[in-house]
Every structure is written in structure tokens, then in C-alpha cells.
Amino acid sequence: MIHRRDLVSAAAGAIATLSVVAIAQSDPKLMRSEVFDWNDAPVKHEEVRTVRQFFQAPTATLAELELHVTTLKPGDTSHAPHRHENEELVIIKEGTVEAFSNDKTKVVGPG
């Protein structure tokens, strides 16, 4: 015999399952695993730098993940020292850069 509480439990479980599936499928803007081609990244030429913007989007675990590549001419600076609220990773391909981090300026090279 099926009891009312069994029906309520089954209905609650079905609603919870459908809600999770709907939420997972409802945000097409969530970035998934992807491979990016350097030549496909939009390029923005500015006075002292060139910027290639690869992505800036929410992921399944982050509110936002962003990747851009900035190319500077020797002796130029992209902007004044400042702080980021969130984490920032800088990778130097070639040359050296004066980087400001944790209230210190440090010269770093490739790697």
C-alpha cells in the first residue's frame, strides 16, 4: 500500500532532481573546458600595448575566470601599479617586467 508520506517523499525527490538538472542546463554562458587558438583571440591595439582577450566568463566553480595576453613595447608600462581584489597570475614569455605584488616591486623574466 502506498502512503501519502511516500508520495510526498517521491515528489520532493523528483522536484529536487529536476531543479538541479534545470539549473545545470539553464546557464549557457558558463564556460566549459575549451581549447583556444592564438589567432582567433580578438586583438585590441592600444597606445602602449596590444591585448588579446581569450575569455572572461563564469565557470562551474568560479564567479569569473579571465585570460588575456598583454604585449608591451620595451620600456612601456601597461598601467600604474594597483591591486586586484582576486588572484592574478602573470607569465612572462620574453624580456623582463617590473611587477608590483604584495607592496613590492620585483623584476621578473621569462618563465
C-alpha atoms as a PDB file:
ATOM      1  CA  MET A   1       0.000   0.000   0.000  1.00  0.00           C
ATOM      2  CA  ILE A   2       1.322   3.460  -0.919  1.00  0.00           C
ATOM      3  CA  HIS A   3       1.094   6.018   1.854  1.00  0.00           C
ATOM      4  CA  ARG A   4       0.727   9.744   1.471  1.00  0.00           C
ATOM      5  CA  ARG A   5       4.162  10.351   3.002  1.00  0.00           C
ATOM      6  CA  ASP A   6       5.691   8.038   0.348  1.00  0.00           C
ATOM      7  CA  LEU A   7       4.113  10.127  -2.413  1.00  0.00           C
ATOM      8  CA  VAL A   8       5.298  13.369  -0.782  1.00  0.00           C
ATOM      9  CA  SER A   9       8.836  11.976  -0.429  1.00  0.00           C
ATOM     10  CA  ALA A  10       8.879  10.782  -4.035  1.00  0.00           C
ATOM     11  CA  ALA A  11       7.549  14.127  -5.286  1.00  0.00           C
ATOM     12  CA  ALA A  12      10.112  16.079  -3.248  1.00  0.00           C
ATOM     13  CA  GLY A  13      12.934  13.917  -4.596  1.00  0.00           C
ATOM     14  CA  ALA A  14      11.733  14.323  -8.180  1.00  0.00           C
ATOM     15  CA  ILE A  15      11.430  18.107  -7.801  1.00  0.00           C
ATOM     16  CA  ALA A  16      14.921  18.361  -6.292  1.00  0.00           C
ATOM     17  CA  THR A  17      16.411  16.259  -9.093  1.00  0.00           C
ATOM     18  CA  LEU A  18      14.649  18.229 -11.825  1.00  0.00           C
ATOM     19  CA  SER A  19      15.723  21.520 -10.221  1.00  0.00           C
ATOM     20  CA  VAL A  20      19.398  20.516 -10.225  1.00  0.00           C
ATOM     21  CA  VAL A  21      19.193  19.391 -13.859  1.00  0.00           C
ATOM     22  CA  ALA A  22      17.390  22.602 -14.870  1.00  0.00           C
ATOM     23  CA  ILE A  23      19.950  24.810 -13.122  1.00  0.00           C
ATOM     24  CA  ALA A  24      22.871  22.941 -14.696  1.00  0.00           C
ATOM     25  CA  GLN A  25      21.362  23.325 -18.168  1.00  0.00           C
ATOM     26  CA  SER A  26      19.987  26.858 -17.739  1.00  0.00           C
ATOM     27  CA  ASP A  27      23.206  28.876 -17.960  1.00  0.00           C
ATOM     28  CA  PRO A  28      24.687  28.562 -21.440  1.00  0.00           C
ATOM     29  CA  LYS A  29      27.203  31.303 -20.536  1.00  0.00           C
ATOM     30  CA  LEU A  30      29.086  29.002 -18.151  1.00  0.00           C
ATOM     31  CA  MET A  31      32.499  28.346 -19.624  1.00  0.00           C
ATOM     32  CA  ARG A  32      33.331  24.690 -20.092  1.00  0.00           C
ATOM     33  CA  SER A  33      36.660  23.046 -20.953  1.00  0.00           C
ATOM     34  CA  GLU A  34      37.954  24.597 -24.151  1.00  0.00           C
ATOM     35  CA  VAL A  35      40.990  24.899 -26.415  1.00  0.00           C
ATOM     36  CA  PHE A  36      41.845  28.391 -27.689  1.00  0.00           C
ATOM     37  CA  ASP A  37      43.701  29.371 -30.857  1.00  0.00           C
ATOM     38  CA  TRP A  38      46.007  32.408 -30.563  1.00  0.00           C
ATOM     39  CA  ASN A  39      44.869  33.642 -33.998  1.00  0.00           C
ATOM     40  CA  ASP A  40      41.181  33.576 -33.032  1.00  0.00           C
ATOM     41  CA  ALA A  41      41.513  35.822 -29.963  1.00  0.00           C
ATOM     42  CA  PRO A  42      40.155  39.346 -30.512  1.00  0.00           C
ATOM     43  CA  VAL A  43      43.031  41.855 -30.652  1.00  0.00           C
ATOM     44  CA  LYS A  44      42.789  45.379 -29.248  1.00  0.00           C
ATOM     45  CA  HIS A  45      45.625  47.754 -30.176  1.00  0.00           C
ATOM     46  CA  GLU A  46      46.158  50.497 -27.609  1.00  0.00           C
ATOM     47  CA  GLU A  47      48.741  53.284 -27.365  1.00  0.00           C
ATOM     48  CA  VAL A  48      51.324  51.339 -25.336  1.00  0.00           C
ATOM     49  CA  ARG A  49      50.070  47.765 -25.532  1.00  0.00           C
ATOM     50  CA  THR A  50      48.279  45.138 -27.554  1.00  0.00           C
ATOM     51  CA  VAL A  51      45.728  42.992 -25.717  1.00  0.00           C
ATOM     52  CA  ARG A  52      44.342  39.635 -26.816  1.00  0.00           C
ATOM     53  CA  GLN A  53      41.216  38.748 -24.821  1.00  0.00           C
ATOM     54  CA  PHE A  54      40.724  34.983 -24.721  1.00  0.00           C
ATOM     55  CA  PHE A  55      37.841  34.680 -22.260  1.00  0.00           C
ATOM     56  CA  GLN A  56      36.058  36.276 -19.320  1.00  0.00           C
ATOM     57  CA  ALA A  57      33.209  34.138 -18.045  1.00  0.00           C
ATOM     58  CA  PRO A  58      31.803  32.277 -15.065  1.00  0.00           C
ATOM     59  CA  THR A  59      32.696  28.604 -14.699  1.00  0.00           C
ATOM     60  CA  ALA A  60      31.123  25.772 -12.762  1.00  0.00           C
ATOM     61  CA  THR A  61      33.277  26.665  -9.730  1.00  0.00           C
ATOM     62  CA  LEU A  62      34.249  30.350 -10.185  1.00  0.00           C
ATOM     63  CA  ALA A  63      32.170  33.518 -10.450  1.00  0.00           C
ATOM     64  CA  GLU A  64      34.605  34.638 -13.143  1.00  0.00           C
ATOM     65  CA  LEU A  65      37.710  33.314 -14.884  1.00  0.00           C
ATOM     66  CA  GLU A  66      39.507  35.687 -17.240  1.00  0.00           C
ATOM     67  CA  LEU A  67      42.521  35.318 -19.509  1.00  0.00           C
ATOM     68  CA  HIS A  68      44.114  37.989 -21.640  1.00  0.00           C
ATOM     69  CA  VAL A  69      47.582  38.444 -23.082  1.00  0.00           C
ATOM     70  CA  THR A  70      49.213  41.877 -22.984  1.00  0.00           C
ATOM     71  CA  THR A  71      52.165  42.654 -25.247  1.00  0.00           C
ATOM     72  CA  LEU A  72      54.246  45.720 -24.353  1.00  0.00           C
ATOM     73  CA  LYS A  73      56.961  47.509 -26.275  1.00  0.00           C
ATOM     74  CA  PRO A  74      60.322  47.714 -24.461  1.00  0.00           C
ATOM     75  CA  GLY A  75      60.277  50.467 -21.832  1.00  0.00           C
ATOM     76  CA  ASP A  76      56.479  50.879 -21.845  1.00  0.00           C
ATOM     77  CA  THR A  77      54.137  50.218 -18.935  1.00  0.00           C
ATOM     78  CA  SER A  78      50.578  48.958 -19.275  1.00  0.00           C
ATOM     79  CA  HIS A  79      49.244  50.924 -16.287  1.00  0.00           C
ATOM     80  CA  ALA A  80      50.167  52.310 -12.875  1.00  0.00           C
ATOM     81  CA  PRO A  81      50.696  49.829 -10.005  1.00  0.00           C
ATOM     82  CA  HIS A  82      47.398  48.724  -8.491  1.00  0.00           C
ATOM     83  CA  ARG A  83      45.820  45.865  -6.548  1.00  0.00           C
ATOM     84  CA  HIS A  84      43.384  43.205  -7.673  1.00  0.00           C
ATOM     85  CA  GLU A  85      40.622  42.024  -5.376  1.00  0.00           C
ATOM     86  CA  ASN A  86      41.015  38.490  -6.700  1.00  0.00           C
ATOM     87  CA  GLU A  87      44.004  36.390  -7.707  1.00  0.00           C
ATOM     88  CA  GLU A  88      46.147  37.297 -10.697  1.00  0.00           C
ATOM     89  CA  LEU A  89      48.712  35.163 -12.492  1.00  0.00           C
ATOM     90  CA  VAL A  90      51.388  36.756 -14.685  1.00  0.00           C
ATOM     91  CA  ILE A  91      53.514  34.707 -17.074  1.00  0.00           C
ATOM     92  CA  ILE A  92      56.410  36.408 -18.864  1.00  0.00           C
ATOM     93  CA  LYS A  93      57.116  34.980 -22.327  1.00  0.00           C
ATOM     94  CA  GLU A  94      60.193  37.075 -23.146  1.00  0.00           C
ATOM     95  CA  GLY A  95      62.018  40.126 -21.850  1.00  0.00           C
ATOM     96  CA  THR A  96      61.685  41.394 -18.290  1.00  0.00           C
ATOM     97  CA  VAL A  97      58.895  43.133 -16.422  1.00  0.00           C
ATOM     98  CA  GLU A  98      58.808  45.208 -13.247  1.00  0.00           C
ATOM     99  CA  ALA A  99      55.919  43.625 -11.373  1.00  0.00           C
ATOM    100  CA  PHE A 100      54.250  45.132  -8.305  1.00  0.00           C
ATOM    101  CA  SER A 101      52.954  42.496  -5.881  1.00  0.00           C
ATOM    102  CA  ASN A 102      52.372  42.473  -2.124  1.00  0.00           C
ATOM    103  CA  ASP A 103      53.616  46.075  -1.786  1.00  0.00           C
ATOM    104  CA  LYS A 104      56.928  45.228  -3.502  1.00  0.00           C
ATOM    105  CA  THR A 105      58.304  45.829  -6.980  1.00  0.00           C
ATOM    106  CA  LYS A 106      60.250  42.939  -8.453  1.00  0.00           C
ATOM    107  CA  VAL A 107      61.941  42.470 -11.839  1.00  0.00           C
ATOM    108  CA  VAL A 108      60.953  39.127 -13.359  1.00  0.00           C
ATOM    109  CA  GLY A 109      61.866  37.396 -16.597  1.00  0.00           C
ATOM    110  CA  PRO A 110      60.536  34.533 -18.707  1.00  0.00           C
ATOM    111  CA  GLY A 111      59.015  31.522 -17.048  1.00  0.00           C
END
